[in-house]
């Protein structure tokens, strides 16, 4: 996937059902294009109040941590 193919639905799918390699690819894309942080935040923000959405909560924290360093 390239950064243009990381639609909101694709990001949600990678986070929800992806494996380690999929997550690594998303991470590389976010590091290469910080604009993807907004998309990841938008997707994961919908799950912020769901304690069972651990994958999304992890990525939400990832965004927060990388915004501080960016």
N, C-alpha and C. Protein backbone atom coordinates (compact mmCIF):
# COMPACT_ATOMS: atom_id res chain seq x y z
N UNK A 1 0.84 -1.18 0.00
CA UNK A 1 0.00 0.00 0.00
C UNK A 1 0.88 1.25 0.00
N UNK A 2 0.48 2.22 -0.76
CA UNK A 2 1.16 3.51 -0.66
C UNK A 2 0.26 4.45 0.14
N UNK A 3 0.77 5.62 0.47
CA UNK A 3 0.02 6.49 1.37
C UNK A 3 -1.31 6.93 0.80
N UNK A 4 -1.46 6.98 -0.54
CA UNK A 4 -2.74 7.36 -1.11
C UNK A 4 -3.79 6.27 -0.95
N UNK A 5 -3.35 5.06 -0.74
CA UNK A 5 -4.31 3.96 -0.57
C UNK A 5 -4.70 3.77 0.89
N UNK A 6 -4.14 4.55 1.78
CA UNK A 6 -4.52 4.46 3.19
C UNK A 6 -5.75 5.34 3.41
N UNK A 7 -6.87 4.85 2.92
CA UNK A 7 -8.14 5.53 3.17
C UNK A 7 -8.53 5.27 4.62
N UNK A 8 -9.55 5.96 5.09
CA UNK A 8 -10.01 5.73 6.45
C UNK A 8 -10.43 4.27 6.65
N UNK A 9 -11.13 3.73 5.67
CA UNK A 9 -11.56 2.33 5.76
C UNK A 9 -10.37 1.38 5.77
N UNK A 10 -9.36 1.67 4.96
CA UNK A 10 -8.18 0.81 4.90
C UNK A 10 -7.42 0.87 6.22
N UNK A 11 -7.30 2.05 6.80
CA UNK A 11 -6.62 2.19 8.09
C UNK A 11 -7.37 1.41 9.16
N UNK A 12 -8.68 1.54 9.19
CA UNK A 12 -9.49 0.80 10.16
C UNK A 12 -9.31 -0.70 9.98
N UNK A 13 -9.27 -1.16 8.75
CA UNK A 13 -9.09 -2.57 8.47
C UNK A 13 -7.72 -3.06 8.91
N UNK A 14 -6.69 -2.30 8.62
CA UNK A 14 -5.33 -2.67 9.03
C UNK A 14 -5.25 -2.77 10.55
N UNK A 15 -5.82 -1.80 11.23
CA UNK A 15 -5.76 -1.81 12.70
C UNK A 15 -6.61 -2.95 13.26
N UNK A 16 -7.79 -3.14 12.73
CA UNK A 16 -8.71 -4.15 13.26
C UNK A 16 -8.28 -5.58 12.97
N UNK A 17 -7.84 -5.82 11.73
CA UNK A 17 -7.59 -7.19 11.31
C UNK A 17 -6.18 -7.47 10.86
N UNK A 18 -5.35 -6.43 10.86
CA UNK A 18 -4.01 -6.60 10.34
C UNK A 18 -3.11 -7.41 11.25
N UNK A 19 -2.05 -7.92 10.64
CA UNK A 19 -1.03 -8.63 11.41
C UNK A 19 0.17 -7.70 11.61
N UNK A 20 1.23 -8.23 12.17
CA UNK A 20 2.40 -7.42 12.48
C UNK A 20 2.93 -6.70 11.24
N UNK A 21 3.00 -7.40 10.12
CA UNK A 21 3.52 -6.80 8.89
C UNK A 21 2.64 -5.65 8.41
N UNK A 22 1.35 -5.80 8.53
CA UNK A 22 0.43 -4.73 8.15
C UNK A 22 0.62 -3.50 9.03
N UNK A 23 0.78 -3.74 10.32
CA UNK A 23 1.00 -2.64 11.26
C UNK A 23 2.33 -1.95 10.97
N UNK A 24 3.34 -2.75 10.65
CA UNK A 24 4.66 -2.18 10.33
C UNK A 24 4.57 -1.30 9.09
N UNK A 25 3.79 -1.74 8.12
CA UNK A 25 3.61 -0.96 6.90
C UNK A 25 2.88 0.35 7.19
N UNK A 26 1.85 0.30 8.03
CA UNK A 26 1.14 1.51 8.43
C UNK A 26 2.08 2.45 9.18
N UNK A 27 2.89 1.91 10.05
CA UNK A 27 3.84 2.73 10.81
C UNK A 27 4.84 3.42 9.87
N UNK A 28 5.36 2.67 8.91
CA UNK A 28 6.29 3.27 7.94
C UNK A 28 5.61 4.38 7.16
N UNK A 29 4.36 4.17 6.78
CA UNK A 29 3.62 5.18 6.02
C UNK A 29 3.40 6.43 6.86
N UNK A 30 3.08 6.26 8.14
CA UNK A 30 2.87 7.40 9.03
C UNK A 30 4.17 8.16 9.24
N UNK A 31 5.27 7.44 9.38
CA UNK A 31 6.56 8.10 9.55
C UNK A 31 6.97 8.87 8.30
N UNK A 32 6.59 8.36 7.14
CA UNK A 32 6.92 9.01 5.87
C UNK A 32 6.01 10.18 5.56
N UNK A 33 4.76 10.13 6.04
CA UNK A 33 3.78 11.17 5.75
C UNK A 33 2.99 11.47 7.02
N UNK A 34 3.40 12.49 7.73
CA UNK A 34 2.76 12.80 9.02
C UNK A 34 1.29 13.19 8.87
N UNK A 35 0.85 13.51 7.67
CA UNK A 35 -0.57 13.81 7.46
C UNK A 35 -1.45 12.59 7.75
N UNK A 36 -0.86 11.40 7.66
CA UNK A 36 -1.62 10.19 7.98
C UNK A 36 -1.96 10.11 9.46
N UNK A 37 -1.23 10.84 10.30
CA UNK A 37 -1.57 10.86 11.73
C UNK A 37 -3.01 11.33 11.93
N UNK A 38 -3.43 12.31 11.14
CA UNK A 38 -4.80 12.81 11.25
C UNK A 38 -5.82 11.73 10.92
N UNK A 39 -5.52 10.96 9.87
CA UNK A 39 -6.44 9.89 9.48
C UNK A 39 -6.51 8.80 10.55
N UNK A 40 -5.35 8.42 11.07
CA UNK A 40 -5.32 7.39 12.11
C UNK A 40 -6.08 7.88 13.34
N UNK A 41 -5.86 9.12 13.70
CA UNK A 41 -6.56 9.70 14.85
C UNK A 41 -8.07 9.73 14.61
N UNK A 42 -8.46 10.07 13.41
CA UNK A 42 -9.89 10.14 13.09
C UNK A 42 -10.54 8.76 13.20
N UNK A 43 -9.85 7.74 12.69
CA UNK A 43 -10.38 6.38 12.77
C UNK A 43 -10.43 5.91 14.21
N UNK A 44 -9.35 6.08 14.93
CA UNK A 44 -9.24 5.54 16.28
C UNK A 44 -10.03 6.34 17.31
N UNK A 45 -10.24 7.60 17.04
CA UNK A 45 -11.01 8.43 17.97
C UNK A 45 -12.41 7.94 18.18
N UNK A 46 -12.96 7.25 17.19
CA UNK A 46 -14.31 6.69 17.31
C UNK A 46 -14.38 5.60 18.36
N UNK A 47 -13.24 5.00 18.68
CA UNK A 47 -13.18 3.89 19.62
C UNK A 47 -12.65 4.30 20.99
N UNK A 48 -12.44 5.59 21.20
CA UNK A 48 -11.78 6.08 22.42
C UNK A 48 -12.49 5.66 23.69
N UNK A 49 -13.79 5.53 23.66
CA UNK A 49 -14.53 5.17 24.88
C UNK A 49 -14.81 3.67 25.00
N UNK A 50 -14.31 2.89 24.08
CA UNK A 50 -14.53 1.45 24.09
C UNK A 50 -13.31 0.75 24.69
N UNK A 51 -13.41 0.26 25.93
CA UNK A 51 -12.24 -0.36 26.57
C UNK A 51 -11.81 -1.67 25.90
N UNK A 52 -12.65 -2.22 25.04
CA UNK A 52 -12.31 -3.47 24.37
C UNK A 52 -11.63 -3.26 23.02
N UNK A 53 -11.55 -2.03 22.59
CA UNK A 53 -10.92 -1.71 21.30
C UNK A 53 -9.43 -1.43 21.52
N UNK A 54 -8.74 -2.41 22.06
CA UNK A 54 -7.35 -2.23 22.45
C UNK A 54 -6.44 -1.84 21.29
N UNK A 55 -6.66 -2.40 20.14
CA UNK A 55 -5.82 -2.07 18.98
C UNK A 55 -5.96 -0.60 18.60
N UNK A 56 -7.19 -0.14 18.58
CA UNK A 56 -7.43 1.26 18.23
C UNK A 56 -6.90 2.20 19.30
N UNK A 57 -7.05 1.80 20.55
CA UNK A 57 -6.53 2.63 21.63
C UNK A 57 -5.01 2.71 21.58
N UNK A 58 -4.37 1.60 21.22
CA UNK A 58 -2.91 1.61 21.05
C UNK A 58 -2.51 2.62 19.98
N UNK A 59 -3.18 2.58 18.84
CA UNK A 59 -2.84 3.49 17.75
C UNK A 59 -3.18 4.94 18.09
N UNK A 60 -4.21 5.16 18.86
CA UNK A 60 -4.54 6.51 19.31
C UNK A 60 -3.40 7.06 20.18
N UNK A 61 -2.89 6.23 21.07
CA UNK A 61 -1.75 6.64 21.90
C UNK A 61 -0.50 6.84 21.04
N UNK A 62 -0.34 6.02 20.02
CA UNK A 62 0.78 6.16 19.09
C UNK A 62 0.74 7.54 18.43
N UNK A 63 -0.43 7.93 17.97
CA UNK A 63 -0.60 9.24 17.34
C UNK A 63 -0.24 10.35 18.33
N UNK A 64 -0.77 10.25 19.54
CA UNK A 64 -0.50 11.27 20.55
C UNK A 64 1.00 11.39 20.83
N UNK A 65 1.68 10.27 20.95
CA UNK A 65 3.12 10.28 21.22
C UNK A 65 3.91 10.88 20.06
N UNK A 66 3.50 10.57 18.85
CA UNK A 66 4.24 11.08 17.70
C UNK A 66 3.91 12.54 17.38
N UNK A 67 2.79 13.02 17.81
CA UNK A 67 2.48 14.42 17.64
C UNK A 67 3.38 15.26 18.54
N UNK A 68 3.69 14.75 19.71
CA UNK A 68 4.55 15.46 20.65
C UNK A 68 5.97 15.59 20.12
N UNK A 69 6.42 14.59 19.37
CA UNK A 69 7.78 14.59 18.86
C UNK A 69 7.88 15.22 17.49
N UNK A 70 6.76 15.38 16.81
CA UNK A 70 6.78 15.92 15.44
C UNK A 70 6.84 17.43 15.44
